[in-house]
């Protein structure tokens, strides 16, 4: 009877080992399902910006500037359809470059005016891929002359796979952004046109 009990115990242990090993093997990696970072997380992204600009005070031109953006993760939320999301706050945005025939071009943003920026999961149950929308009011300085946005810019990527986004992630400007001359306000001086706008090249922007 004692021998039978020991044999039974051995079988139980062996089965438990197999089941446990199988469970361990089938457990997905923690990297397989990324979640939105907690509120307060700071995500800097270095990159370059490309902006075609239609001018009412001179010739149209394109700008290629290098710099980056810093975004802070805000409060999380859940939509009525069950998809997760998080609010985002643009903390810094700046880039600069030389444009032939125009001079030095610097792009920044008006921190006193914030559009609502968000990242929202594309499907219920998984935070990624997600649609990230960054809304802000850009400023443009051309050879020392300042211009500011009359409406918010919307930079969008509809297939973000992580936060911060991977290198090579491209955000598109989806709307016209009208700019007024700070020294002569009240009328549109230039318009930033939609299209490819910001490409992430790293995460060391300071």
N, C-alpha and C. Protein backbone atom coordinates (compact mmCIF):
# COMPACT_ATOMS: atom_id res chain seq x y z
N UNK A 1 0.84 -1.21 0.00
CA UNK A 1 0.00 0.00 0.00
C UNK A 1 0.87 1.25 0.00
N UNK A 2 1.99 1.24 0.80
CA UNK A 2 2.89 2.37 0.88
C UNK A 2 3.59 2.57 -0.45
N UNK A 3 4.01 1.47 -1.12
CA UNK A 3 4.68 1.57 -2.42
C UNK A 3 3.74 2.19 -3.45
N UNK A 4 2.48 1.78 -3.39
CA UNK A 4 1.50 2.31 -4.33
C UNK A 4 1.32 3.82 -4.13
N UNK A 5 1.34 4.28 -2.86
CA UNK A 5 1.18 5.70 -2.57
C UNK A 5 2.34 6.50 -3.11
N UNK A 6 3.55 5.96 -2.97
CA UNK A 6 4.74 6.66 -3.47
C UNK A 6 4.72 6.73 -5.00
N UNK A 7 4.27 5.63 -5.63
CA UNK A 7 4.17 5.63 -7.09
C UNK A 7 3.14 6.66 -7.56
N UNK A 8 2.01 6.73 -6.85
CA UNK A 8 0.97 7.68 -7.21
C UNK A 8 1.47 9.11 -7.07
N UNK A 9 2.22 9.35 -5.98
CA UNK A 9 2.78 10.67 -5.75
C UNK A 9 3.76 11.04 -6.86
N UNK A 10 4.56 10.07 -7.28
CA UNK A 10 5.54 10.33 -8.34
C UNK A 10 4.85 10.68 -9.64
N UNK A 11 3.73 9.99 -9.94
CA UNK A 11 2.98 10.27 -11.16
C UNK A 11 2.39 11.67 -11.10
N UNK A 12 1.82 12.02 -9.93
CA UNK A 12 1.22 13.35 -9.76
C UNK A 12 2.26 14.44 -9.95
N UNK A 13 3.45 14.28 -9.37
CA UNK A 13 4.53 15.26 -9.50
C UNK A 13 4.97 15.38 -10.95
N UNK A 14 5.10 14.23 -11.64
CA UNK A 14 5.53 14.23 -13.02
C UNK A 14 4.51 14.96 -13.91
N UNK A 15 3.22 14.67 -13.67
CA UNK A 15 2.17 15.33 -14.45
C UNK A 15 2.18 16.83 -14.18
N UNK A 16 2.33 17.19 -12.91
CA UNK A 16 2.35 18.60 -12.55
C UNK A 16 3.51 19.31 -13.21
N UNK A 17 4.65 18.62 -13.28
CA UNK A 17 5.83 19.19 -13.92
C UNK A 17 5.59 19.43 -15.39
N UNK A 18 4.96 18.47 -16.06
CA UNK A 18 4.69 18.61 -17.48
C UNK A 18 3.71 19.74 -17.73
N UNK A 19 2.62 19.77 -16.93
CA UNK A 19 1.61 20.81 -17.09
C UNK A 19 2.21 22.17 -16.80
N UNK A 20 2.98 22.25 -15.68
CA UNK A 20 3.60 23.51 -15.32
C UNK A 20 4.56 23.97 -16.39
N UNK A 21 5.36 23.04 -16.91
CA UNK A 21 6.31 23.39 -17.96
C UNK A 21 5.60 23.86 -19.20
N UNK A 22 4.50 23.18 -19.54
CA UNK A 22 3.74 23.58 -20.71
C UNK A 22 3.13 24.95 -20.52
N UNK A 23 2.64 25.24 -19.33
CA UNK A 23 2.06 26.55 -19.06
C UNK A 23 3.11 27.64 -19.17
N UNK A 24 4.29 27.38 -18.64
CA UNK A 24 5.37 28.34 -18.70
C UNK A 24 5.76 28.60 -20.15
N UNK A 25 5.79 27.56 -20.94
CA UNK A 25 6.19 27.68 -22.33
C UNK A 25 5.18 28.49 -23.13
N UNK A 26 3.89 28.33 -22.78
CA UNK A 26 2.85 29.00 -23.55
C UNK A 26 2.55 30.41 -23.06
N UNK A 27 3.09 30.79 -21.90
CA UNK A 27 2.83 32.13 -21.39
C UNK A 27 3.47 33.15 -22.31
N UNK A 28 2.72 34.10 -22.81
CA UNK A 28 3.28 35.07 -23.74
C UNK A 28 4.27 35.99 -23.06
N UNK A 29 5.22 36.49 -23.81
CA UNK A 29 6.18 37.44 -23.30
C UNK A 29 5.46 38.71 -22.86
N UNK A 30 6.01 39.37 -21.84
CA UNK A 30 5.39 40.62 -21.38
C UNK A 30 5.51 41.70 -22.45
N UNK A 31 6.43 41.53 -23.39
CA UNK A 31 6.59 42.50 -24.46
C UNK A 31 5.54 42.34 -25.55
N UNK A 32 4.79 41.24 -25.49
CA UNK A 32 3.85 40.95 -26.57
C UNK A 32 2.64 41.88 -26.56
N UNK A 33 2.30 42.41 -25.39
CA UNK A 33 1.12 43.29 -25.30
C UNK A 33 1.51 44.54 -24.51
N UNK A 34 2.04 45.52 -25.20
CA UNK A 34 2.45 46.76 -24.56
C UNK A 34 1.23 47.58 -24.14
N UNK A 35 1.39 48.33 -23.07
CA UNK A 35 0.32 49.20 -22.58
C UNK A 35 0.77 50.65 -22.64
N UNK A 36 -0.19 51.56 -22.67
CA UNK A 36 0.16 52.97 -22.62
C UNK A 36 0.92 53.27 -21.33
N UNK A 37 1.97 54.08 -21.39
CA UNK A 37 2.73 54.41 -20.17
C UNK A 37 1.87 55.14 -19.15
N UNK A 38 2.26 55.12 -17.89
CA UNK A 38 1.47 55.79 -16.85
C UNK A 38 1.54 57.31 -16.98
N UNK A 39 0.55 58.02 -16.43
CA UNK A 39 0.57 59.48 -16.45
C UNK A 39 1.86 60.03 -15.85
N UNK A 40 2.36 61.08 -16.46
CA UNK A 40 3.60 61.69 -15.99
C UNK A 40 4.83 61.22 -16.75
N UNK A 41 4.69 60.19 -17.57
CA UNK A 41 5.82 59.69 -18.36
C UNK A 41 6.20 60.72 -19.42
N UNK A 42 7.48 61.05 -19.50
CA UNK A 42 7.98 62.01 -20.47
C UNK A 42 8.62 61.28 -21.63
N UNK A 43 8.22 61.61 -22.85
CA UNK A 43 8.74 60.95 -24.04
C UNK A 43 9.34 61.97 -25.01
N UNK A 44 10.68 62.09 -25.03
CA UNK A 44 11.31 62.98 -26.00
C UNK A 44 11.59 62.24 -27.31
N UNK A 45 11.40 62.92 -28.43
CA UNK A 45 11.70 62.34 -29.74
C UNK A 45 12.47 63.34 -30.58
N UNK A 46 13.64 62.94 -31.04
CA UNK A 46 14.39 63.74 -32.00
C UNK A 46 13.88 63.41 -33.40
N UNK A 47 14.03 64.35 -34.32
CA UNK A 47 13.58 64.08 -35.68
C UNK A 47 13.76 65.28 -36.59
N UNK A 48 13.29 65.13 -37.80
CA UNK A 48 13.34 66.25 -38.74
C UNK A 48 11.94 66.55 -39.26
N UNK A 49 11.73 67.82 -39.59
CA UNK A 49 10.43 68.30 -40.04
C UNK A 49 10.52 68.75 -41.49
N UNK A 50 9.45 68.50 -42.23
CA UNK A 50 9.35 68.93 -43.62
C UNK A 50 8.02 69.66 -43.78
N UNK A 51 8.09 70.94 -44.16
CA UNK A 51 6.86 71.73 -44.26
C UNK A 51 6.84 72.54 -45.55
N UNK A 52 5.95 72.24 -46.50
CA UNK A 52 5.73 73.16 -47.62
C UNK A 52 4.89 74.34 -47.14
N UNK A 53 5.31 75.56 -47.47
CA UNK A 53 4.62 76.76 -47.00
C UNK A 53 4.20 77.62 -48.18
N UNK A 54 2.90 77.93 -48.23
CA UNK A 54 2.35 78.83 -49.25
C UNK A 54 2.34 80.23 -48.64
N UNK A 55 2.99 81.18 -49.31
CA UNK A 55 3.14 82.52 -48.76
C UNK A 55 2.28 83.53 -49.50
N UNK A 56 1.67 84.45 -48.74
CA UNK A 56 0.91 85.56 -49.31
C UNK A 56 1.76 86.83 -49.40
N UNK A 57 3.00 86.76 -48.90
CA UNK A 57 3.87 87.94 -48.87
C UNK A 57 5.16 87.72 -49.66
N UNK A 58 5.23 86.63 -50.40
CA UNK A 58 6.42 86.31 -51.16
C UNK A 58 6.26 84.97 -51.84
N UNK A 59 7.35 84.40 -52.36
CA UNK A 59 7.25 83.11 -53.04
C UNK A 59 6.98 81.96 -52.08
N UNK A 60 6.33 80.90 -52.57
CA UNK A 60 6.15 79.69 -51.78
C UNK A 60 7.52 79.03 -51.58
N UNK A 61 7.66 78.26 -50.50
CA UNK A 61 8.94 77.60 -50.24
C UNK A 61 8.71 76.38 -49.36
N UNK A 62 9.71 75.53 -49.29
CA UNK A 62 9.67 74.36 -48.42
C UNK A 62 10.72 74.50 -47.34
N UNK A 63 10.45 73.94 -46.16
CA UNK A 63 11.42 73.99 -45.07
C UNK A 63 11.81 72.58 -44.67
N UNK A 64 13.08 72.40 -44.36
CA UNK A 64 13.59 71.15 -43.78
C UNK A 64 14.38 71.54 -42.54
N UNK A 65 13.83 71.23 -41.38
CA UNK A 65 14.46 71.60 -40.12
C UNK A 65 14.70 70.37 -39.26
N UNK A 66 15.67 70.49 -38.36
CA UNK A 66 16.04 69.38 -37.49
C UNK A 66 15.83 69.80 -36.04
N UNK A 67 15.24 68.93 -35.24
CA UNK A 67 14.99 69.24 -33.83
C UNK A 67 14.27 68.09 -33.16
N UNK A 68 13.10 68.37 -32.58
CA UNK A 68 12.36 67.30 -31.92
C UNK A 68 11.16 67.80 -31.16
N UNK A 69 10.56 66.90 -30.42
CA UNK A 69 9.35 67.19 -29.65
C UNK A 69 9.40 66.40 -28.34
N UNK A 70 8.86 66.98 -27.29
CA UNK A 70 8.76 66.31 -25.98
C UNK A 70 7.28 66.24 -25.62
N UNK A 71 6.80 65.03 -25.36
CA UNK A 71 5.39 64.81 -25.05
C UNK A 71 5.27 64.11 -23.70
N UNK A 72 4.35 64.59 -22.87
CA UNK A 72 4.08 63.96 -21.57
C UNK A 72 2.76 63.21 -21.63
N UNK A 73 2.74 62.00 -21.07
CA UNK A 73 1.51 61.22 -21.01
C UNK A 73 0.65 61.75 -19.87
N UNK A 74 -0.62 62.00 -20.18
CA UNK A 74 -1.56 62.50 -19.18
C UNK A 74 -2.49 61.41 -18.69
N UNK A 75 -3.70 61.79 -18.32
CA UNK A 75 -4.67 60.84 -17.77
C UNK A 75 -5.12 59.84 -18.82
N UNK A 76 -5.43 58.63 -18.38
CA UNK A 76 -5.95 57.58 -19.25
C UNK A 76 -7.47 57.64 -19.28
N UNK A 77 -8.06 57.08 -20.33
CA UNK A 77 -9.52 57.03 -20.44
C UNK A 77 -9.92 55.82 -21.26
N UNK A 78 -11.19 55.48 -21.22
CA UNK A 78 -11.74 54.40 -22.02
C UNK A 78 -12.94 54.93 -22.80
N UNK A 79 -12.94 54.71 -24.11
CA UNK A 79 -14.05 55.17 -24.94
C UNK A 79 -15.28 54.29 -24.74
N UNK A 80 -16.41 54.75 -25.24
CA UNK A 80 -17.66 54.01 -25.09
C UNK A 80 -17.59 52.65 -25.76
N UNK A 81 -16.77 52.52 -26.81
CA UNK A 81 -16.66 51.23 -27.50
C UNK A 81 -15.62 50.30 -26.87
N UNK A 82 -15.04 50.72 -25.72
CA UNK A 82 -14.12 49.86 -24.98
C UNK A 82 -12.65 50.06 -25.31
N UNK A 83 -12.34 50.92 -26.27
CA UNK A 83 -10.94 51.14 -26.61
C UNK A 83 -10.27 52.06 -25.58
N UNK A 84 -9.03 51.76 -25.25
CA UNK A 84 -8.27 52.56 -24.30
C UNK A 84 -7.64 53.76 -24.98
N UNK A 85 -7.40 54.79 -24.20
CA UNK A 85 -6.73 55.98 -24.71
C UNK A 85 -6.02 56.70 -23.59
N UNK A 86 -5.21 57.67 -23.97
CA UNK A 86 -4.51 58.51 -23.00
C UNK A 86 -4.39 59.92 -23.57
N UNK A 87 -4.54 60.90 -22.71
CA UNK A 87 -4.29 62.28 -23.12
C UNK A 87 -2.79 62.53 -23.16
N UNK A 88 -2.37 63.43 -24.04
CA UNK A 88 -0.97 63.78 -24.18
C UNK A 88 -0.83 65.29 -24.07
N UNK A 89 0.32 65.74 -23.57
CA UNK A 89 0.60 67.17 -23.47
C UNK A 89 1.93 67.46 -24.15
N UNK A 90 1.93 68.35 -25.13
CA UNK A 90 3.18 68.74 -25.79
C UNK A 90 3.93 69.70 -24.86
N UNK A 91 5.11 69.31 -24.41
CA UNK A 91 5.90 70.10 -23.48
C UNK A 91 6.97 70.95 -24.19
N UNK A 92 7.45 70.48 -25.31
CA UNK A 92 8.48 71.22 -26.03
C UNK A 92 8.43 70.81 -27.49
N UNK A 93 8.71 71.75 -28.37
CA UNK A 93 8.75 71.48 -29.80
C UNK A 93 9.62 72.57 -30.43
N UNK A 94 10.71 72.17 -31.06
CA UNK A 94 11.57 73.14 -31.71
C UNK A 94 12.45 72.46 -32.74
N UNK A 95 12.72 73.20 -33.80
CA UNK A 95 13.63 72.73 -34.84
C UNK A 95 14.13 73.94 -35.61
N UNK A 96 15.23 73.76 -36.33
CA UNK A 96 15.81 74.87 -37.07
C UNK A 96 16.54 74.36 -38.30
N UNK A 97 16.65 75.23 -39.29
CA UNK A 97 17.37 74.87 -40.51
C UNK A 97 17.53 76.08 -41.41
N UNK A 98 18.37 75.96 -42.42
CA UNK A 98 18.60 77.03 -43.38
C UNK A 98 17.84 76.73 -44.66
N UNK A 99 17.14 77.72 -45.19
CA UNK A 99 16.43 77.60 -46.45
C UNK A 99 17.04 78.57 -47.45
N UNK A 100 17.49 78.04 -48.57
CA UNK A 100 18.15 78.87 -49.58
C UNK A 100 17.21 79.98 -50.06
N UNK A 101 17.71 81.20 -50.04
CA UNK A 101 16.92 82.35 -50.48
C UNK A 101 15.99 82.91 -49.43
N UNK A 102 15.84 82.20 -48.30
CA UNK A 102 14.93 82.63 -47.23
C UNK A 102 15.71 83.02 -45.98
N UNK A 103 16.68 82.18 -45.63
CA UNK A 103 17.46 82.40 -44.42
C UNK A 103 17.18 81.33 -43.38
N UNK A 104 17.49 81.63 -42.13
CA UNK A 104 17.29 80.67 -41.05
C UNK A 104 15.81 80.55 -40.71
N UNK A 105 15.33 79.32 -40.63
CA UNK A 105 13.94 79.05 -40.28
C UNK A 105 13.91 78.29 -38.95
N UNK A 106 13.14 78.79 -38.00
CA UNK A 106 12.99 78.13 -36.70
C UNK A 106 11.50 77.84 -36.48
N UNK A 107 11.21 76.63 -36.06
CA UNK A 107 9.82 76.23 -35.78
C UNK A 107 9.68 75.89 -34.30
N UNK A 108 8.67 76.46 -33.67
CA UNK A 108 8.39 76.19 -32.27
C UNK A 108 6.90 76.05 -32.06
N UNK A 109 6.42 76.34 -30.85
CA UNK A 109 4.98 76.27 -30.59
C UNK A 109 4.63 77.25 -29.48
N UNK A 110 3.37 77.62 -29.45
CA UNK A 110 2.85 78.53 -28.44
C UNK A 110 2.36 77.70 -27.25
N UNK A 111 3.16 77.69 -26.17
CA UNK A 111 2.82 76.86 -25.01
C UNK A 111 1.60 77.38 -24.26
N UNK A 112 1.20 78.62 -24.51
CA UNK A 112 0.03 79.18 -23.81
C UNK A 112 -1.29 78.69 -24.40
N UNK A 113 -1.21 78.07 -25.59
CA UNK A 113 -2.42 77.52 -26.22
C UNK A 113 -2.18 76.05 -26.50
N UNK A 114 -2.98 75.19 -25.90
CA UNK A 114 -2.82 73.75 -26.08
C UNK A 114 -4.06 73.15 -26.71
N UNK A 115 -3.90 72.47 -27.85
CA UNK A 115 -4.97 71.65 -28.37
C UNK A 115 -4.98 70.33 -27.62
N UNK A 116 -6.04 69.55 -27.77
CA UNK A 116 -6.10 68.26 -27.07
C UNK A 116 -5.36 67.20 -27.89
N UNK A 117 -4.27 66.71 -27.34
CA UNK A 117 -3.49 65.64 -27.97
C UNK A 117 -3.84 64.32 -27.31
N UNK A 118 -3.91 63.25 -28.09
CA UNK A 118 -4.31 61.94 -27.55
C UNK A 118 -3.59 60.81 -28.26
N UNK A 119 -3.62 59.65 -27.62
CA UNK A 119 -3.28 58.40 -28.27
C UNK A 119 -4.42 57.43 -27.95
N UNK A 120 -4.99 56.80 -28.98
CA UNK A 120 -6.17 55.96 -28.81
C UNK A 120 -5.94 54.63 -29.52
N UNK A 121 -6.21 53.54 -28.81
CA UNK A 121 -6.04 52.20 -29.39
C UNK A 121 -6.94 52.02 -30.60
N UNK A 122 -6.44 51.31 -31.59
CA UNK A 122 -7.23 51.06 -32.80
C UNK A 122 -8.25 49.94 -32.61
N UNK A 123 -8.07 49.14 -31.55
CA UNK A 123 -9.02 48.06 -31.30
C UNK A 123 -9.16 47.84 -29.80
N UNK A 124 -10.24 47.25 -29.41
CA UNK A 124 -10.50 46.97 -28.01
C UNK A 124 -9.63 45.80 -27.55
N UNK A 125 -9.10 45.90 -26.34
CA UNK A 125 -8.33 44.80 -25.76
C UNK A 125 -6.84 44.92 -25.93
N UNK A 126 -6.36 45.74 -26.87
CA UNK A 126 -4.94 45.96 -27.09
C UNK A 126 -4.69 47.45 -27.22
N UNK A 127 -3.67 47.96 -26.52
CA UNK A 127 -3.38 49.39 -26.61
C UNK A 127 -2.70 49.77 -27.92
N UNK A 128 -1.96 48.83 -28.50
CA UNK A 128 -1.27 49.09 -29.78
C UNK A 128 -1.68 48.04 -30.80
N UNK A 129 -1.69 48.42 -32.10
CA UNK A 129 -1.39 49.74 -32.67
C UNK A 129 -2.43 50.76 -32.28
N UNK A 130 -2.01 52.02 -32.34
CA UNK A 130 -2.87 53.11 -31.89
C UNK A 130 -2.75 54.31 -32.81
N UNK A 131 -3.70 55.20 -32.71
CA UNK A 131 -3.67 56.45 -33.46
C UNK A 131 -3.26 57.58 -32.52
N UNK A 132 -2.14 58.20 -32.84
CA UNK A 132 -1.65 59.31 -32.02
C UNK A 132 -1.88 60.62 -32.77
N UNK A 133 -2.49 61.57 -32.08
CA UNK A 133 -2.76 62.89 -32.65
C UNK A 133 -2.15 63.94 -31.74
N UNK A 134 -1.27 64.75 -32.29
CA UNK A 134 -0.66 65.84 -31.52
C UNK A 134 -1.18 67.17 -32.07
N UNK A 135 -1.87 67.94 -31.21
CA UNK A 135 -2.44 69.23 -31.61
C UNK A 135 -1.72 70.34 -30.87
N UNK A 136 -1.24 71.32 -31.62
CA UNK A 136 -0.53 72.44 -31.03
C UNK A 136 -0.59 73.62 -31.99
N UNK A 137 -0.20 74.81 -31.49
CA UNK A 137 -0.21 76.03 -32.29
C UNK A 137 1.23 76.39 -32.62
N UNK A 138 1.68 76.11 -33.84
CA UNK A 138 3.08 76.34 -34.17
C UNK A 138 3.43 77.82 -34.30
N UNK A 139 4.70 78.10 -34.11
CA UNK A 139 5.27 79.41 -34.41
C UNK A 139 6.39 79.20 -35.43
N UNK A 140 6.58 80.16 -36.30
CA UNK A 140 7.62 80.08 -37.31
C UNK A 140 8.39 81.40 -37.31
N UNK A 141 9.70 81.32 -37.21
CA UNK A 141 10.55 82.51 -37.30
C UNK A 141 11.41 82.37 -38.54
N UNK A 142 11.32 83.35 -39.44
CA UNK A 142 12.06 83.32 -40.70
C UNK A 142 13.00 84.51 -40.74
N UNK A 143 14.29 84.20 -40.65
CA UNK A 143 15.31 85.25 -40.68
C UNK A 143 15.00 86.35 -39.66
N UNK A 144 14.55 85.93 -38.48
CA UNK A 144 14.26 86.85 -37.38
C UNK A 144 12.85 87.40 -37.33
N UNK A 145 12.06 87.17 -38.37
CA UNK A 145 10.68 87.67 -38.39
C UNK A 145 9.74 86.59 -37.86
N UNK A 146 8.85 86.96 -36.94
CA UNK A 146 8.03 85.97 -36.24
C UNK A 146 6.62 85.87 -36.81
N UNK A 147 6.17 84.62 -36.92
CA UNK A 147 4.80 84.31 -37.35
C UNK A 147 4.20 83.34 -36.35
N UNK A 148 2.86 83.40 -36.17
CA UNK A 148 2.21 82.49 -35.23
C UNK A 148 0.92 81.95 -35.85
N UNK A 149 0.53 80.77 -35.39
CA UNK A 149 -0.62 80.08 -35.95
C UNK A 149 -1.94 80.71 -35.53
N UNK A 150 -2.86 80.77 -36.47
CA UNK A 150 -4.22 81.19 -36.17
C UNK A 150 -5.11 80.01 -35.82
N UNK A 151 -4.67 78.80 -36.17
CA UNK A 151 -5.42 77.59 -35.83
C UNK A 151 -4.44 76.48 -35.49
N UNK A 152 -4.93 75.45 -34.83
CA UNK A 152 -4.06 74.36 -34.36
C UNK A 152 -3.62 73.46 -35.51
N UNK A 153 -2.39 72.96 -35.39
CA UNK A 153 -1.90 71.93 -36.30
C UNK A 153 -2.27 70.57 -35.74
N UNK A 154 -2.62 69.64 -36.63
CA UNK A 154 -2.92 68.26 -36.24
C UNK A 154 -1.92 67.33 -36.89
N UNK A 155 -1.01 66.78 -36.09
CA UNK A 155 -0.03 65.80 -36.58
C UNK A 155 -0.52 64.41 -36.18
N UNK A 156 -0.63 63.51 -37.16
CA UNK A 156 -1.29 62.22 -36.91
C UNK A 156 -0.46 61.06 -37.47
N UNK A 157 -0.39 59.98 -36.69
CA UNK A 157 0.04 58.69 -37.19
C UNK A 157 -0.98 57.66 -36.70
N UNK A 158 -1.56 56.89 -37.63
CA UNK A 158 -2.65 55.98 -37.28
C UNK A 158 -2.19 54.56 -37.00
N UNK A 159 -0.87 54.34 -36.90
CA UNK A 159 -0.37 52.98 -36.67
C UNK A 159 0.84 52.98 -35.74
N UNK A 160 0.77 53.76 -34.66
CA UNK A 160 1.85 53.80 -33.68
C UNK A 160 1.91 52.48 -32.93
N UNK A 161 3.10 51.92 -32.77
CA UNK A 161 3.22 50.60 -32.14
C UNK A 161 3.87 50.65 -30.76
N UNK A 162 4.27 51.82 -30.30
CA UNK A 162 4.87 51.94 -28.97
C UNK A 162 4.92 53.41 -28.57
N UNK A 163 5.15 53.65 -27.28
CA UNK A 163 5.35 54.99 -26.76
C UNK A 163 6.61 54.99 -25.91
N UNK A 164 7.68 55.71 -26.28
CA UNK A 164 7.76 56.60 -27.43
C UNK A 164 7.74 55.82 -28.74
N UNK A 165 7.38 56.47 -29.84
CA UNK A 165 7.31 55.77 -31.12
C UNK A 165 8.69 55.32 -31.61
N UNK A 166 8.70 54.28 -32.41
CA UNK A 166 9.95 53.74 -32.93
C UNK A 166 10.59 54.71 -33.92
N UNK A 167 11.92 54.58 -34.07
CA UNK A 167 12.61 55.36 -35.08
C UNK A 167 12.03 55.05 -36.45
N UNK A 168 11.88 56.06 -37.27
CA UNK A 168 11.29 55.89 -38.59
C UNK A 168 9.80 56.16 -38.62
N UNK A 169 9.16 56.32 -37.45
CA UNK A 169 7.74 56.65 -37.42
C UNK A 169 7.51 58.03 -38.03
N UNK A 170 6.53 58.13 -38.90
CA UNK A 170 6.26 59.38 -39.61
C UNK A 170 4.89 59.92 -39.22
N UNK A 171 4.84 61.20 -38.89
CA UNK A 171 3.59 61.88 -38.59
C UNK A 171 3.26 62.84 -39.73
N UNK A 172 1.99 62.87 -40.11
CA UNK A 172 1.54 63.73 -41.21
C UNK A 172 0.71 64.88 -40.66
N UNK A 173 0.93 66.07 -41.20
CA UNK A 173 0.06 67.21 -40.92
C UNK A 173 -1.19 67.03 -41.76
N UNK A 174 -2.36 67.03 -41.12
CA UNK A 174 -3.59 66.70 -41.84
C UNK A 174 -4.44 67.92 -42.20
N UNK A 175 -3.98 69.13 -41.86
CA UNK A 175 -4.78 70.32 -42.13
C UNK A 175 -3.91 71.51 -42.49
N UNK A 176 -4.50 72.48 -43.17
CA UNK A 176 -3.83 73.76 -43.40
C UNK A 176 -3.68 74.49 -42.07
N UNK A 177 -2.51 75.11 -41.86
CA UNK A 177 -2.30 75.94 -40.67
C UNK A 177 -1.98 77.36 -41.13
N UNK A 178 -2.88 78.29 -40.83
CA UNK A 178 -2.71 79.69 -41.22
C UNK A 178 -1.81 80.40 -40.22
N UNK A 179 -0.87 81.20 -40.73
CA UNK A 179 0.06 81.95 -39.88
C UNK A 179 -0.13 83.45 -40.11
N UNK A 180 -0.10 84.21 -39.02
CA UNK A 180 -0.13 85.66 -39.11
C UNK A 180 1.22 86.23 -38.73
N UNK A 181 1.54 87.36 -39.28
CA UNK A 181 2.76 88.09 -38.92
C UNK A 181 2.54 88.71 -37.55
N UNK A 182 3.42 88.40 -36.58
CA UNK A 182 3.27 88.94 -35.23
C UNK A 182 3.29 90.47 -35.26
N UNK A 183 4.08 91.05 -36.16
CA UNK A 183 4.16 92.50 -36.25
C UNK A 183 3.02 93.14 -37.02
N UNK A 184 2.23 92.33 -37.71
CA UNK A 184 1.11 92.83 -38.49
C UNK A 184 -0.03 91.82 -38.41
N UNK A 185 -0.63 91.65 -37.22
CA UNK A 185 -1.60 90.59 -36.98
C UNK A 185 -2.94 90.85 -37.66
N UNK A 186 -3.75 89.78 -37.69
CA UNK A 186 -5.12 89.92 -38.16
C UNK A 186 -5.37 89.43 -39.56
N UNK A 187 -4.33 89.07 -40.29
CA UNK A 187 -4.54 88.53 -41.63
C UNK A 187 -3.53 87.43 -41.90
N UNK A 188 -3.88 86.52 -42.78
CA UNK A 188 -3.04 85.37 -43.08
C UNK A 188 -1.86 85.81 -43.94
N UNK A 189 -0.66 85.54 -43.44
CA UNK A 189 0.56 85.86 -44.18
C UNK A 189 1.10 84.64 -44.91
N UNK A 190 0.97 83.47 -44.28
CA UNK A 190 1.47 82.22 -44.86
C UNK A 190 0.60 81.07 -44.40
N UNK A 191 0.69 79.96 -45.12
CA UNK A 191 -0.06 78.76 -44.74
C UNK A 191 0.84 77.54 -44.83
N UNK A 192 0.95 76.81 -43.73
CA UNK A 192 1.67 75.53 -43.75
C UNK A 192 0.72 74.50 -44.34
N UNK A 193 1.17 73.79 -45.37
CA UNK A 193 0.30 72.88 -46.10
C UNK A 193 0.39 71.46 -45.54
N UNK A 194 -0.69 70.66 -45.69
CA UNK A 194 -0.69 69.27 -45.20
C UNK A 194 0.35 68.41 -45.91
N UNK A 195 0.69 67.30 -45.26
CA UNK A 195 1.63 66.35 -45.84
C UNK A 195 2.55 65.80 -44.79
N UNK A 196 3.53 65.01 -45.23
CA UNK A 196 4.54 64.44 -44.34
C UNK A 196 5.18 65.57 -43.56
N UNK A 197 5.20 65.44 -42.22
CA UNK A 197 5.62 66.59 -41.41
C UNK A 197 6.76 66.29 -40.43
N UNK A 198 6.75 65.16 -39.76
CA UNK A 198 7.76 64.88 -38.75
C UNK A 198 8.15 63.41 -38.78
N UNK A 199 9.45 63.14 -38.85
CA UNK A 199 9.97 61.77 -38.86
C UNK A 199 10.86 61.56 -37.65
N UNK A 200 10.56 60.54 -36.84
CA UNK A 200 11.33 60.25 -35.63
C UNK A 200 12.67 59.61 -36.00
N UNK A 201 13.76 60.19 -35.48
CA UNK A 201 15.09 59.63 -35.73
C UNK A 201 15.77 59.12 -34.47
N UNK A 202 15.20 59.38 -33.31
CA UNK A 202 15.80 58.91 -32.07
C UNK A 202 15.01 59.43 -30.88
N UNK A 203 15.55 59.20 -29.66
CA UNK A 203 14.83 59.59 -28.45
C UNK A 203 15.73 60.36 -27.49
N UNK A 204 16.71 61.08 -28.05
CA UNK A 204 17.68 61.80 -27.22
C UNK A 204 17.51 63.31 -27.32
N UNK A 205 16.34 63.77 -27.72
CA UNK A 205 16.11 65.20 -27.84
C UNK A 205 16.01 65.84 -26.46
N UNK A 206 16.73 66.94 -26.25
CA UNK A 206 16.70 67.63 -24.96
C UNK A 206 16.41 69.11 -25.17
